[in-house]
C-alpha atoms as a PDB file:
ATOM      1  CA  UNK A   1     -10.126   1.708 -24.700  1.00  0.00           C
ATOM      2  CA  UNK A   2      -6.566   2.033 -25.995  1.00  0.00           C
ATOM      3  CA  UNK A   3      -6.851   5.832 -26.236  1.00  0.00           C
ATOM      4  CA  UNK A   4      -8.194   5.909 -22.689  1.00  0.00           C
ATOM      5  CA  UNK A   5      -5.194   3.946 -21.379  1.00  0.00           C
ATOM      6  CA  UNK A   6      -2.762   6.208 -23.264  1.00  0.00           C
ATOM      7  CA  UNK A   7      -4.394   9.321 -21.793  1.00  0.00           C
ATOM      8  CA  UNK A   8      -4.150   7.907 -18.288  1.00  0.00           C
ATOM      9  CA  UNK A   9      -0.477   7.018 -18.784  1.00  0.00           C
ATOM     10  CA  UNK A  10       0.278  10.551 -19.981  1.00  0.00           C
ATOM     11  CA  UNK A  11      -1.557  11.952 -16.943  1.00  0.00           C
ATOM     12  CA  UNK A  12       0.908  10.116 -14.708  1.00  0.00           C
ATOM     13  CA  UNK A  13       3.740  12.444 -15.772  1.00  0.00           C
ATOM     14  CA  UNK A  14       2.527  15.728 -14.190  1.00  0.00           C
ATOM     15  CA  UNK A  15       1.157  13.812 -11.196  1.00  0.00           C
ATOM     16  CA  UNK A  16       4.531  12.245 -10.469  1.00  0.00           C
ATOM     17  CA  UNK A  17       6.280  15.581 -11.027  1.00  0.00           C
ATOM     18  CA  UNK A  18       4.217  17.443  -8.431  1.00  0.00           C
ATOM     19  CA  UNK A  19       4.209  14.506  -5.992  1.00  0.00           C
ATOM     20  CA  UNK A  20       7.999  14.158  -6.112  1.00  0.00           C
ATOM     21  CA  UNK A  21       8.459  17.932  -5.769  1.00  0.00           C
ATOM     22  CA  UNK A  22       6.202  18.057  -2.696  1.00  0.00           C
ATOM     23  CA  UNK A  23       8.024  15.151  -1.049  1.00  0.00           C
ATOM     24  CA  UNK A  24      11.435  16.594  -1.950  1.00  0.00           C
ATOM     25  CA  UNK A  25      10.562  19.897  -0.283  1.00  0.00           C
ATOM     26  CA  UNK A  26       8.581  18.471   2.653  1.00  0.00           C
ATOM     27  CA  UNK A  27      11.357  16.207   3.958  1.00  0.00           C
ATOM     28  CA  UNK A  28      13.662  19.240   4.120  1.00  0.00           C
ATOM     29  CA  UNK A  29      11.150  21.124   6.271  1.00  0.00           C
ATOM     30  CA  UNK A  30      11.525  18.647   9.142  1.00  0.00           C
ATOM     31  CA  UNK A  31      13.313  20.411  12.017  1.00  0.00           C
ATOM     32  CA  UNK A  32      16.972  19.428  12.177  1.00  0.00           C
ATOM     33  CA  UNK A  33      18.558  18.679   8.806  1.00  0.00           C
ATOM     34  CA  UNK A  34      20.962  15.867   8.045  1.00  0.00           C
ATOM     35  CA  UNK A  35      23.975  18.143   8.605  1.00  0.00           C
ATOM     36  CA  UNK A  36      22.843  18.800  12.187  1.00  0.00           C
ATOM     37  CA  UNK A  37      22.404  15.071  12.788  1.00  0.00           C
ATOM     38  CA  UNK A  38      25.861  14.279  11.422  1.00  0.00           C
ATOM     39  CA  UNK A  39      27.609  17.110  13.286  1.00  0.00           C
ATOM     40  CA  UNK A  40      25.867  16.156  16.535  1.00  0.00           C
ATOM     41  CA  UNK A  41      28.295  13.231  16.684  1.00  0.00           C
ATOM     42  CA  UNK A  42      31.199  15.691  16.813  1.00  0.00           C
ATOM     43  CA  UNK A  43      31.165  18.066  19.789  1.00  0.00           C
ATOM     44  CA  UNK A  44      33.858  20.336  18.350  1.00  0.00           C
ATOM     45  CA  UNK A  45      32.409  20.796  14.862  1.00  0.00           C
ATOM     46  CA  UNK A  46      32.974  24.282  13.446  1.00  0.00           C
ATOM     47  CA  UNK A  47      31.190  26.359  10.830  1.00  0.00           C
ATOM     48  CA  UNK A  48      33.927  25.400   8.392  1.00  0.00           C
ATOM     49  CA  UNK A  49      33.190  21.733   9.040  1.00  0.00           C
ATOM     50  CA  UNK A  50      29.506  22.348   8.350  1.00  0.00           C
ATOM     51  CA  UNK A  51      30.215  24.196   5.090  1.00  0.00           C
ATOM     52  CA  UNK A  52      32.592  21.469   3.932  1.00  0.00           C
ATOM     53  CA  UNK A  53      30.060  18.747   4.714  1.00  0.00           C
ATOM     54  CA  UNK A  54      27.265  20.601   2.903  1.00  0.00           C
ATOM     55  CA  UNK A  55      29.468  20.999  -0.163  1.00  0.00           C
ATOM     56  CA  UNK A  56      30.486  17.329  -0.073  1.00  0.00           C
ATOM     57  CA  UNK A  57      26.854  16.185   0.057  1.00  0.00           C
ATOM     58  CA  UNK A  58      25.669  18.715  -2.532  1.00  0.00           C
ATOM     59  CA  UNK A  59      23.375  20.444  -0.033  1.00  0.00           C
ATOM     60  CA  UNK A  60      24.953  23.885  -0.417  1.00  0.00           C
ATOM     61  CA  UNK A  61      22.925  24.654  -3.552  1.00  0.00           C
ATOM     62  CA  UNK A  62      19.356  26.056  -3.616  1.00  0.00           C
ATOM     63  CA  UNK A  63      16.669  23.444  -2.943  1.00  0.00           C
ATOM     64  CA  UNK A  64      15.000  23.797  -6.359  1.00  0.00           C
ATOM     65  CA  UNK A  65      18.345  23.359  -8.085  1.00  0.00           C
ATOM     66  CA  UNK A  66      18.917  20.231  -6.004  1.00  0.00           C
ATOM     67  CA  UNK A  67      15.479  18.958  -7.066  1.00  0.00           C
ATOM     68  CA  UNK A  68      16.027  19.398 -10.789  1.00  0.00           C
ATOM     69  CA  UNK A  69      19.465  17.773 -10.571  1.00  0.00           C
ATOM     70  CA  UNK A  70      17.868  14.840  -8.731  1.00  0.00           C
ATOM     71  CA  UNK A  71      14.930  14.667 -11.179  1.00  0.00           C
ATOM     72  CA  UNK A  72      17.275  14.633 -14.167  1.00  0.00           C
ATOM     73  CA  UNK A  73      19.183  11.683 -12.729  1.00  0.00           C
ATOM     74  CA  UNK A  74      15.945   9.947 -11.688  1.00  0.00           C
ATOM     75  CA  UNK A  75      14.737  10.002 -15.295  1.00  0.00           C
ATOM     76  CA  UNK A  76      17.860   7.973 -16.112  1.00  0.00           C
ATOM     77  CA  UNK A  77      17.145   5.494 -13.285  1.00  0.00           C
ATOM     78  CA  UNK A  78      19.642   7.019 -10.832  1.00  0.00           C
ATOM     79  CA  UNK A  79      17.988   7.998  -7.526  1.00  0.00           C
ATOM     80  CA  UNK A  80      21.254   9.112  -5.972  1.00  0.00           C
ATOM     81  CA  UNK A  81      23.214   7.697  -3.052  1.00  0.00           C
ATOM     82  CA  UNK A  82      22.424   7.452   0.636  1.00  0.00           C
ATOM     83  CA  UNK A  83      23.908  10.378   2.548  1.00  0.00           C
ATOM     84  CA  UNK A  84      25.020   8.076   5.356  1.00  0.00           C
ATOM     85  CA  UNK A  85      26.021   4.846   3.651  1.00  0.00           C
ATOM     86  CA  UNK A  86      27.018   6.260   0.240  1.00  0.00           C
ATOM     87  CA  UNK A  87      25.258   3.277  -1.357  1.00  0.00           C
ATOM     88  CA  UNK A  88      22.945   3.448  -4.337  1.00  0.00           C
ATOM     89  CA  UNK A  89      19.331   4.222  -3.416  1.00  0.00           C
ATOM     90  CA  UNK A  90      18.198   2.281  -6.481  1.00  0.00           C
ATOM     91  CA  UNK A  91      20.093  -0.762  -5.200  1.00  0.00           C
ATOM     92  CA  UNK A  92      18.571  -0.467  -1.727  1.00  0.00           C
ATOM     93  CA  UNK A  93      15.073  -0.168  -3.192  1.00  0.00           C
ATOM     94  CA  UNK A  94      15.668  -3.117  -5.504  1.00  0.00           C
ATOM     95  CA  UNK A  95      16.331  -5.239  -2.406  1.00  0.00           C
ATOM     96  CA  UNK A  96      13.336  -3.944  -0.423  1.00  0.00           C
ATOM     97  CA  UNK A  97      10.598  -3.556  -3.074  1.00  0.00           C
ATOM     98  CA  UNK A  98       9.984  -7.324  -3.585  1.00  0.00           C
ATOM     99  CA  UNK A  99       9.524  -7.791   0.170  1.00  0.00           C
ATOM    100  CA  UNK A 100       6.976  -4.988   0.518  1.00  0.00           C
ATOM    101  CA  UNK A 101       5.277  -6.145  -2.682  1.00  0.00           C
ATOM    102  CA  UNK A 102       4.980  -9.675  -1.282  1.00  0.00           C
ATOM    103  CA  UNK A 103       3.486  -8.383   1.968  1.00  0.00           C
ATOM    104  CA  UNK A 104       1.054  -6.111   0.120  1.00  0.00           C
ATOM    105  CA  UNK A 105       0.011  -8.789  -2.375  1.00  0.00           C
ATOM    106  CA  UNK A 106      -0.682 -11.320   0.385  1.00  0.00           C
ATOM    107  CA  UNK A 107      -2.607  -8.709   2.403  1.00  0.00           C
ATOM    108  CA  UNK A 108      -4.692  -7.793  -0.647  1.00  0.00           C
ATOM    109  CA  UNK A 109      -5.381 -11.470  -1.324  1.00  0.00           C
ATOM    110  CA  UNK A 110      -6.513 -11.972   2.284  1.00  0.00           C
ATOM    111  CA  UNK A 111      -8.683  -8.856   2.115  1.00  0.00           C
ATOM    112  CA  UNK A 112     -10.467  -9.865  -1.091  1.00  0.00           C
ATOM    113  CA  UNK A 113     -10.821 -13.511  -0.036  1.00  0.00           C
ATOM    114  CA  UNK A 114     -12.503 -12.457   3.201  1.00  0.00           C
ATOM    115  CA  UNK A 115     -14.458  -9.367   2.168  1.00  0.00           C
ATOM    116  CA  UNK A 116     -16.202 -10.367  -1.056  1.00  0.00           C
ATOM    117  CA  UNK A 117     -17.547 -13.817  -0.017  1.00  0.00           C
ATOM    118  CA  UNK A 118     -18.716 -12.525   3.371  1.00  0.00           C
ATOM    119  CA  UNK A 119     -20.198  -9.412   1.767  1.00  0.00           C
ATOM    120  CA  UNK A 120     -22.163 -11.542  -0.708  1.00  0.00           C
ATOM    121  CA  UNK A 121     -23.323 -13.915   2.021  1.00  0.00           C
ATOM    122  CA  UNK A 122     -24.370 -11.004   4.230  1.00  0.00           C
ATOM    123  CA  UNK A 123     -26.419  -9.461   1.412  1.00  0.00           C
ATOM    124  CA  UNK A 124     -28.075 -12.759   0.504  1.00  0.00           C
ATOM    125  CA  UNK A 125     -28.947 -13.408   4.170  1.00  0.00           C
ATOM    126  CA  UNK A 126     -30.022  -9.880   5.042  1.00  0.00           C
ATOM    127  CA  UNK A 127     -31.163  -9.379   8.650  1.00  0.00           C
ATOM    128  CA  UNK A 128     -30.364 -12.956   9.644  1.00  0.00           C
ATOM    129  CA  UNK A 129     -27.988 -14.038  12.403  1.00  0.00           C
ATOM    130  CA  UNK A 130     -25.217 -14.592   9.831  1.00  0.00           C
ATOM    131  CA  UNK A 131     -25.712 -11.074   8.488  1.00  0.00           C
ATOM    132  CA  UNK A 132     -25.460  -9.545  11.958  1.00  0.00           C
ATOM    133  CA  UNK A 133     -22.302 -11.555  12.718  1.00  0.00           C
ATOM    134  CA  UNK A 134     -20.695 -10.450   9.437  1.00  0.00           C
ATOM    135  CA  UNK A 135     -21.576  -6.796  10.009  1.00  0.00           C
ATOM    136  CA  UNK A 136     -20.291  -6.958  13.581  1.00  0.00           C
ATOM    137  CA  UNK A 137     -17.039  -8.470  12.344  1.00  0.00           C
ATOM    138  CA  UNK A 138     -16.595  -5.623   9.838  1.00  0.00           C
ATOM    139  CA  UNK A 139     -17.260  -3.027  12.542  1.00  0.00           C
ATOM    140  CA  UNK A 140     -14.669  -4.636  14.808  1.00  0.00           C
ATOM    141  CA  UNK A 141     -12.099  -4.598  12.019  1.00  0.00           C
ATOM    142  CA  UNK A 142     -12.887  -0.937  11.357  1.00  0.00           C
ATOM    143  CA  UNK A 143     -12.484  -0.041  15.016  1.00  0.00           C
ATOM    144  CA  UNK A 144      -9.316  -2.024  15.753  1.00  0.00           C
ATOM    145  CA  UNK A 145      -6.146  -0.421  14.297  1.00  0.00           C
ATOM    146  CA  UNK A 146      -3.863  -2.853  12.516  1.00  0.00           C
ATOM    147  CA  UNK A 147      -0.770  -1.724  14.429  1.00  0.00           C
ATOM    148  CA  UNK A 148      -2.546  -2.331  17.760  1.00  0.00           C
ATOM    149  CA  UNK A 149      -3.603  -5.811  16.690  1.00  0.00           C
ATOM    150  CA  UNK A 150      -0.070  -6.486  15.489  1.00  0.00           C
ATOM    151  CA  UNK A 151       1.336  -5.423  18.847  1.00  0.00           C
ATOM    152  CA  UNK A 152      -1.068  -7.767  20.642  1.00  0.00           C
ATOM    153  CA  UNK A 153      -0.022 -10.657  18.398  1.00  0.00           C
ATOM    154  CA  UNK A 154       3.631  -9.938  19.174  1.00  0.00           C
ATOM    155  CA  UNK A 155       3.185  -9.642  22.951  1.00  0.00           C
ATOM    156  CA  UNK A 156       0.400 -11.828  24.355  1.00  0.00           C
ATOM    157  CA  UNK A 157       1.128 -15.190  22.627  1.00  0.00           C
ATOM    158  CA  UNK A 158       4.722 -14.985  23.845  1.00  0.00           C
ATOM    159  CA  UNK A 159       3.508 -14.375  27.414  1.00  0.00           C
ATOM    160  CA  UNK A 160       0.677 -16.905  27.459  1.00  0.00           C
ATOM    161  CA  UNK A 161       1.945 -19.724  25.217  1.00  0.00           C
ATOM    162  CA  UNK A 162       5.665 -18.981  24.821  1.00  0.00           C
ATOM    163  CA  UNK A 163       5.138 -18.464  21.082  1.00  0.00           C
ATOM    164  CA  UNK A 164       5.994 -15.483  18.963  1.00  0.00           C
ATOM    165  CA  UNK A 165       5.960 -14.906  15.195  1.00  0.00           C
ATOM    166  CA  UNK A 166       9.108 -15.644  13.205  1.00  0.00           C
ATOM    167  CA  UNK A 167      11.375 -12.573  13.304  1.00  0.00           C
ATOM    168  CA  UNK A 168      14.324 -13.712  11.202  1.00  0.00           C
ATOM    169  CA  UNK A 169      13.478 -12.857   7.615  1.00  0.00           C
ATOM    170  CA  UNK A 170      14.433 -15.298   4.859  1.00  0.00           C
ATOM    171  CA  UNK A 171      13.955 -14.591   1.159  1.00  0.00           C
ATOM    172  CA  UNK A 172      11.071 -16.210  -0.667  1.00  0.00           C
ATOM    173  CA  UNK A 173      13.369 -18.100  -3.034  1.00  0.00           C
ATOM    174  CA  UNK A 174      15.801 -19.130  -0.292  1.00  0.00           C
ATOM    175  CA  UNK A 175      13.243 -20.877   1.928  1.00  0.00           C
ATOM    176  CA  UNK A 176       9.572 -20.360   0.939  1.00  0.00           C
ATOM    177  CA  UNK A 177       8.224 -22.030   4.100  1.00  0.00           C
ATOM    178  CA  UNK A 178      10.208 -19.866   6.531  1.00  0.00           C
ATOM    179  CA  UNK A 179       9.509 -16.814   4.416  1.00  0.00           C
ATOM    180  CA  UNK A 180       5.740 -17.358   4.563  1.00  0.00           C
ATOM    181  CA  UNK A 181       5.854 -18.201   8.267  1.00  0.00           C
ATOM    182  CA  UNK A 182       7.405 -14.772   8.835  1.00  0.00           C
ATOM    183  CA  UNK A 183       5.270 -12.684   6.520  1.00  0.00           C
ATOM    184  CA  UNK A 184       1.864 -14.385   6.763  1.00  0.00           C
ATOM    185  CA  UNK A 185       0.997 -12.951  10.205  1.00  0.00           C
ATOM    186  CA  UNK A 186       1.437  -9.252   9.268  1.00  0.00           C
ATOM    187  CA  UNK A 187      -0.223  -9.964   5.904  1.00  0.00           C
ATOM    188  CA  UNK A 188      -3.311 -11.452   7.591  1.00  0.00           C
ATOM    189  CA  UNK A 189      -3.532  -8.557  10.056  1.00  0.00           C
ATOM    190  CA  UNK A 190      -3.207  -5.964   7.304  1.00  0.00           C
ATOM    191  CA  UNK A 191      -5.643  -7.848   5.061  1.00  0.00           C
ATOM    192  CA  UNK A 192      -8.290  -8.138   7.778  1.00  0.00           C
ATOM    193  CA  UNK A 193      -7.992  -4.419   8.540  1.00  0.00           C
ATOM    194  CA  UNK A 194      -8.562  -3.593   4.869  1.00  0.00           C
ATOM    195  CA  UNK A 195     -11.378  -6.106   4.425  1.00  0.00           C
ATOM    196  CA  UNK A 196     -13.863  -4.272   6.659  1.00  0.00           C
ATOM    197  CA  UNK A 197     -14.677  -1.418   4.264  1.00  0.00           C
ATOM    198  CA  UNK A 198     -14.641  -3.697   1.212  1.00  0.00           C
ATOM    199  CA  UNK A 199     -16.999  -6.127   2.950  1.00  0.00           C
ATOM    200  CA  UNK A 200     -19.511  -3.418   3.737  1.00  0.00           C
ATOM    201  CA  UNK A 201     -19.308  -1.974   0.224  1.00  0.00           C
ATOM    202  CA  UNK A 202     -19.849  -5.426  -1.310  1.00  0.00           C
ATOM    203  CA  UNK A 203     -22.917  -6.003   0.857  1.00  0.00           C
ATOM    204  CA  UNK A 204     -24.385  -2.578   0.082  1.00  0.00           C
ATOM    205  CA  UNK A 205     -23.892  -2.876  -3.680  1.00  0.00           C
ATOM    206  CA  UNK A 206     -25.249  -6.432  -3.786  1.00  0.00           C
ATOM    207  CA  UNK A 207     -28.413  -5.324  -1.955  1.00  0.00           C
ATOM    208  CA  UNK A 208     -28.842  -2.426  -4.377  1.00  0.00           C
ATOM    209  CA  UNK A 209     -28.311  -4.518  -7.501  1.00  0.00           C
ATOM    210  CA  UNK A 210     -30.554  -7.340  -6.306  1.00  0.00           C
ATOM    211  CA  UNK A 211     -33.471  -4.884  -6.244  1.00  0.00           C
ATOM    212  CA  UNK A 212     -33.056  -3.910  -9.903  1.00  0.00           C
ATOM    213  CA  UNK A 213     -35.669  -4.782 -12.518  1.00  0.00           C
ATOM    214  CA  UNK A 214     -33.359  -6.939 -14.620  1.00  0.00           C
ATOM    215  CA  UNK A 215     -32.714  -9.192 -11.599  1.00  0.00           C
ATOM    216  CA  UNK A 216     -36.454  -9.740 -11.189  1.00  0.00           C
ATOM    217  CA  UNK A 217     -36.657 -10.446 -14.925  1.00  0.00           C
ATOM    218  CA  UNK A 218     -33.869 -13.009 -14.680  1.00  0.00           C
ATOM    219  CA  UNK A 219     -35.673 -14.755 -11.863  1.00  0.00           C
ATOM    220  CA  UNK A 220     -38.953 -14.645 -13.779  1.00  0.00           C
ATOM    221  CA  UNK A 221     -37.240 -16.448 -16.672  1.00  0.00           C
ATOM    222  CA  UNK A 222     -36.540 -19.330 -14.312  1.00  0.00           C
ATOM    223  CA  UNK A 223     -32.797 -18.883 -13.849  1.00  0.00           C
ATOM    224  CA  UNK A 224     -31.339 -20.506 -10.751  1.00  0.00           C
ATOM    225  CA  UNK A 225     -30.498 -18.293  -7.791  1.00  0.00           C
ATOM    226  CA  UNK A 226     -26.772 -18.998  -8.205  1.00  0.00           C
ATOM    227  CA  UNK A 227     -26.961 -17.930 -11.859  1.00  0.00           C
ATOM    228  CA  UNK A 228     -28.800 -14.737 -10.931  1.00  0.00           C
ATOM    229  CA  UNK A 229     -26.363 -13.854  -8.139  1.00  0.00           C
ATOM    230  CA  UNK A 230     -23.005 -14.752  -9.667  1.00  0.00           C
ATOM    231  CA  UNK A 231     -23.610 -14.049 -13.352  1.00  0.00           C
ATOM    232  CA  UNK A 232     -25.872 -10.998 -13.267  1.00  0.00           C
ATOM    233  CA  UNK A 233     -25.788  -9.320  -9.856  1.00  0.00           C
ATOM    234  CA  UNK A 234     -22.187  -9.833  -8.745  1.00  0.00           C
ATOM    235  CA  UNK A 235     -20.565  -8.537 -11.907  1.00  0.00           C
ATOM    236  CA  UNK A 236     -22.413  -5.215 -11.794  1.00  0.00           C
ATOM    237  CA  UNK A 237     -21.986  -4.779  -8.063  1.00  0.00           C
ATOM    238  CA  UNK A 238     -18.206  -5.243  -8.257  1.00  0.00           C
ATOM    239  CA  UNK A 239     -17.480  -1.996 -10.124  1.00  0.00           C
ATOM    240  CA  UNK A 240     -17.686   0.262  -7.015  1.00  0.00           C
ATOM    241  CA  UNK A 241     -15.926  -2.458  -4.993  1.00  0.00           C
ATOM    242  CA  UNK A 242     -12.995  -2.523  -7.425  1.00  0.00           C
ATOM    243  CA  UNK A 243     -12.823   1.283  -7.243  1.00  0.00           C
ATOM    244  CA  UNK A 244     -12.661   1.075  -3.456  1.00  0.00           C
ATOM    245  CA  UNK A 245      -9.879  -1.514  -3.591  1.00  0.00           C
ATOM    246  CA  UNK A 246      -7.889   0.847  -5.806  1.00  0.00           C
ATOM    247  CA  UNK A 247      -8.417   3.727  -3.376  1.00  0.00           C
ATOM    248  CA  UNK A 248      -7.129   1.522  -0.562  1.00  0.00           C
ATOM    249  CA  UNK A 249      -3.711   1.171  -2.208  1.00  0.00           C
ATOM    250  CA  UNK A 250      -2.161   4.035  -0.157  1.00  0.00           C
ATOM    251  CA  UNK A 251      -3.627   2.502   3.010  1.00  0.00           C
ATOM    252  CA  UNK A 252      -2.140  -0.847   2.014  1.00  0.00           C
ATOM    253  CA  UNK A 253       1.316   0.639   1.644  1.00  0.00           C
ATOM    254  CA  UNK A 254       0.952   2.857   4.735  1.00  0.00           C
ATOM    255  CA  UNK A 255      -0.160  -0.095   6.842  1.00  0.00           C
ATOM    256  CA  UNK A 256       2.765  -2.110   5.551  1.00  0.00           C
ATOM    257  CA  UNK A 257       5.171   0.584   6.816  1.00  0.00           C
ATOM    258  CA  UNK A 258       3.930   0.199  10.404  1.00  0.00           C
ATOM    259  CA  UNK A 259       3.646  -3.582  10.393  1.00  0.00           C
ATOM    260  CA  UNK A 260       7.093  -3.978   8.858  1.00  0.00           C
ATOM    261  CA  UNK A 261       8.447  -2.113  11.862  1.00  0.00           C
ATOM    262  CA  UNK A 262       6.507  -4.271  14.354  1.00  0.00           C
ATOM    263  CA  UNK A 263       7.337  -7.638  12.746  1.00  0.00           C
ATOM    264  CA  UNK A 264      10.853  -6.655  11.601  1.00  0.00           C
ATOM    265  CA  UNK A 265      10.105  -7.196   7.922  1.00  0.00           C
ATOM    266  CA  UNK A 266      12.994  -5.602   5.987  1.00  0.00           C
ATOM    267  CA  UNK A 267      10.846  -3.934   3.347  1.00  0.00           C
ATOM    268  CA  UNK A 268      10.525  -0.347   2.157  1.00  0.00           C
ATOM    269  CA  UNK A 269       8.621   0.639   5.300  1.00  0.00           C
ATOM    270  CA  UNK A 270      11.511  -0.213   7.605  1.00  0.00           C
ATOM    271  CA  UNK A 271      13.925   1.480   5.205  1.00  0.00           C
ATOM    272  CA  UNK A 272      11.744   4.610   5.184  1.00  0.00           C
ATOM    273  CA  UNK A 273      11.526   4.861   8.964  1.00  0.00           C
ATOM    274  CA  UNK A 274      15.292   4.531   9.321  1.00  0.00           C
ATOM    275  CA  UNK A 275      15.864   7.128   6.589  1.00  0.00           C
ATOM    276  CA  UNK A 276      13.452   9.651   8.135  1.00  0.00           C
ATOM    277  CA  UNK A 277      15.119   9.343  11.551  1.00  0.00           C
ATOM    278  CA  UNK A 278      18.518  10.004   9.910  1.00  0.00           C
ATOM    279  CA  UNK A 279      17.192  12.687   7.510  1.00  0.00           C
ATOM    280  CA  UNK A 280      18.542  10.641   4.612  1.00  0.00           C
ATOM    281  CA  UNK A 281      16.844  12.693   1.900  1.00  0.00           C
ATOM    282  CA  UNK A 282      17.651  10.586  -1.187  1.00  0.00           C
ATOM    283  CA  UNK A 283      16.241   7.406   0.389  1.00  0.00           C
ATOM    284  CA  UNK A 284      13.058   9.120   1.597  1.00  0.00           C
ATOM    285  CA  UNK A 285      12.441  10.729  -1.792  1.00  0.00           C
ATOM    286  CA  UNK A 286      13.197   7.480  -3.611  1.00  0.00           C
ATOM    287  CA  UNK A 287      10.802   5.471  -1.444  1.00  0.00           C
ATOM    288  CA  UNK A 288       7.986   7.970  -1.934  1.00  0.00           C
ATOM    289  CA  UNK A 289       8.619   8.052  -5.669  1.00  0.00           C
ATOM    290  CA  UNK A 290       8.293   4.264  -5.864  1.00  0.00           C
ATOM    291  CA  UNK A 291       5.182   4.342  -3.679  1.00  0.00           C
ATOM    292  CA  UNK A 292       3.657   7.073  -5.834  1.00  0.00           C
ATOM    293  CA  UNK A 293       4.306   5.127  -9.028  1.00  0.00           C
ATOM    294  CA  UNK A 294       2.842   1.980  -7.447  1.00  0.00           C
ATOM    295  CA  UNK A 295      -0.334   3.773  -6.301  1.00  0.00           C
ATOM    296  CA  UNK A 296      -0.858   5.392  -9.702  1.00  0.00           C
ATOM    297  CA  UNK A 297      -0.320   2.110 -11.562  1.00  0.00           C
ATOM    298  CA  UNK A 298      -2.708   0.276  -9.220  1.00  0.00           C
ATOM    299  CA  UNK A 299      -5.407   2.858  -9.875  1.00  0.00           C
ATOM    300  CA  UNK A 300      -4.704   2.640 -13.607  1.00  0.00           C
ATOM    301  CA  UNK A 301      -5.145  -1.147 -13.421  1.00  0.00           C
ATOM    302  CA  UNK A 302      -8.436  -0.580 -11.571  1.00  0.00           C
ATOM    303  CA  UNK A 303      -9.663   1.760 -14.301  1.00  0.00           C
ATOM    304  CA  UNK A 304      -8.706  -0.754 -17.002  1.00  0.00           C
ATOM    305  CA  UNK A 305     -10.542  -3.505 -15.144  1.00  0.00           C
ATOM    306  CA  UNK A 306     -13.782  -1.552 -15.621  1.00  0.00           C
ATOM    307  CA  UNK A 307     -13.680  -2.589 -19.254  1.00  0.00           C
ATOM    308  CA  UNK A 308     -13.889  -6.252 -18.258  1.00  0.00           C
ATOM    309  CA  UNK A 309     -16.667  -5.657 -15.739  1.00  0.00           C
ATOM    310  CA  UNK A 310     -18.730  -3.193 -17.791  1.00  0.00           C
ATOM    311  CA  UNK A 311     -18.661  -3.604 -21.617  1.00  0.00           C
ATOM    312  CA  UNK A 312     -19.879  -0.021 -22.041  1.00  0.00           C
ATOM    313  CA  UNK A 313     -16.485   1.247 -20.878  1.00  0.00           C
ATOM    314  CA  UNK A 314     -14.713  -0.565 -23.741  1.00  0.00           C
ATOM    315  CA  UNK A 315     -16.531   1.543 -26.335  1.00  0.00           C
ATOM    316  CA  UNK A 316     -15.408   4.860 -24.860  1.00  0.00           C
END
């Protein structure tokens, strides 16, 4: 198991290299570079002004040279400075990462708390009214985009009941109650959107496992139904479910970007949208690097969790 973890950690290095290179190049392919955006504020800008600004920002060198300079500093923990604010990207990310992490963790908690119990119930009550209600709920959550639901929550309650979600963000350690009152609504919406696929996967795997021979043997030995379901069936059915949760990590972060914009949550998503609109290359690259590391580490944690769910994995 230890060798397996070491191999996976080493595999992160080339993955991060190619991911960062693709993002570094892709953001520069967007029509209208940062120099154009800056000079658009000055109607009498000349070619000399453009050349001077490119040299000052370090954008006069070839793109690949810029990348390797950036990568060398990134290995030392320096992600550069914002082209507009001249502030440290690492400092900006350090302020925003905990907020996005809190939103994502709450959304994941909501998703698992809803999906797995309902998926188990739906499988145990196959083709009953409760099963049909659960499956209908999952289909609705699949069909309704999270950003659309978030927009409805922002608009209609304020029109009908003169209520709207908290929009002034307060840090978790400053005022936990106000913090949760602000972040719980987008977290629930994001969690419910993610729960649909997990719920259906849980139901499908539970139905498949419950038809296995060893389940019939366990029942024949006189074990209670709860013992059969939660000790024997659930543990084996969770392996594909855990894999699916790991694959949803990019969706979790992508959904957070949109909902942070709707609910004015000052996380990495809001920072990314502002940076893209301004063509602030260091911020965009830094955000994607952090997101890439987070996604890879989440999937690594998922792979490690197999060893706790399936003892056969530990011996590999």
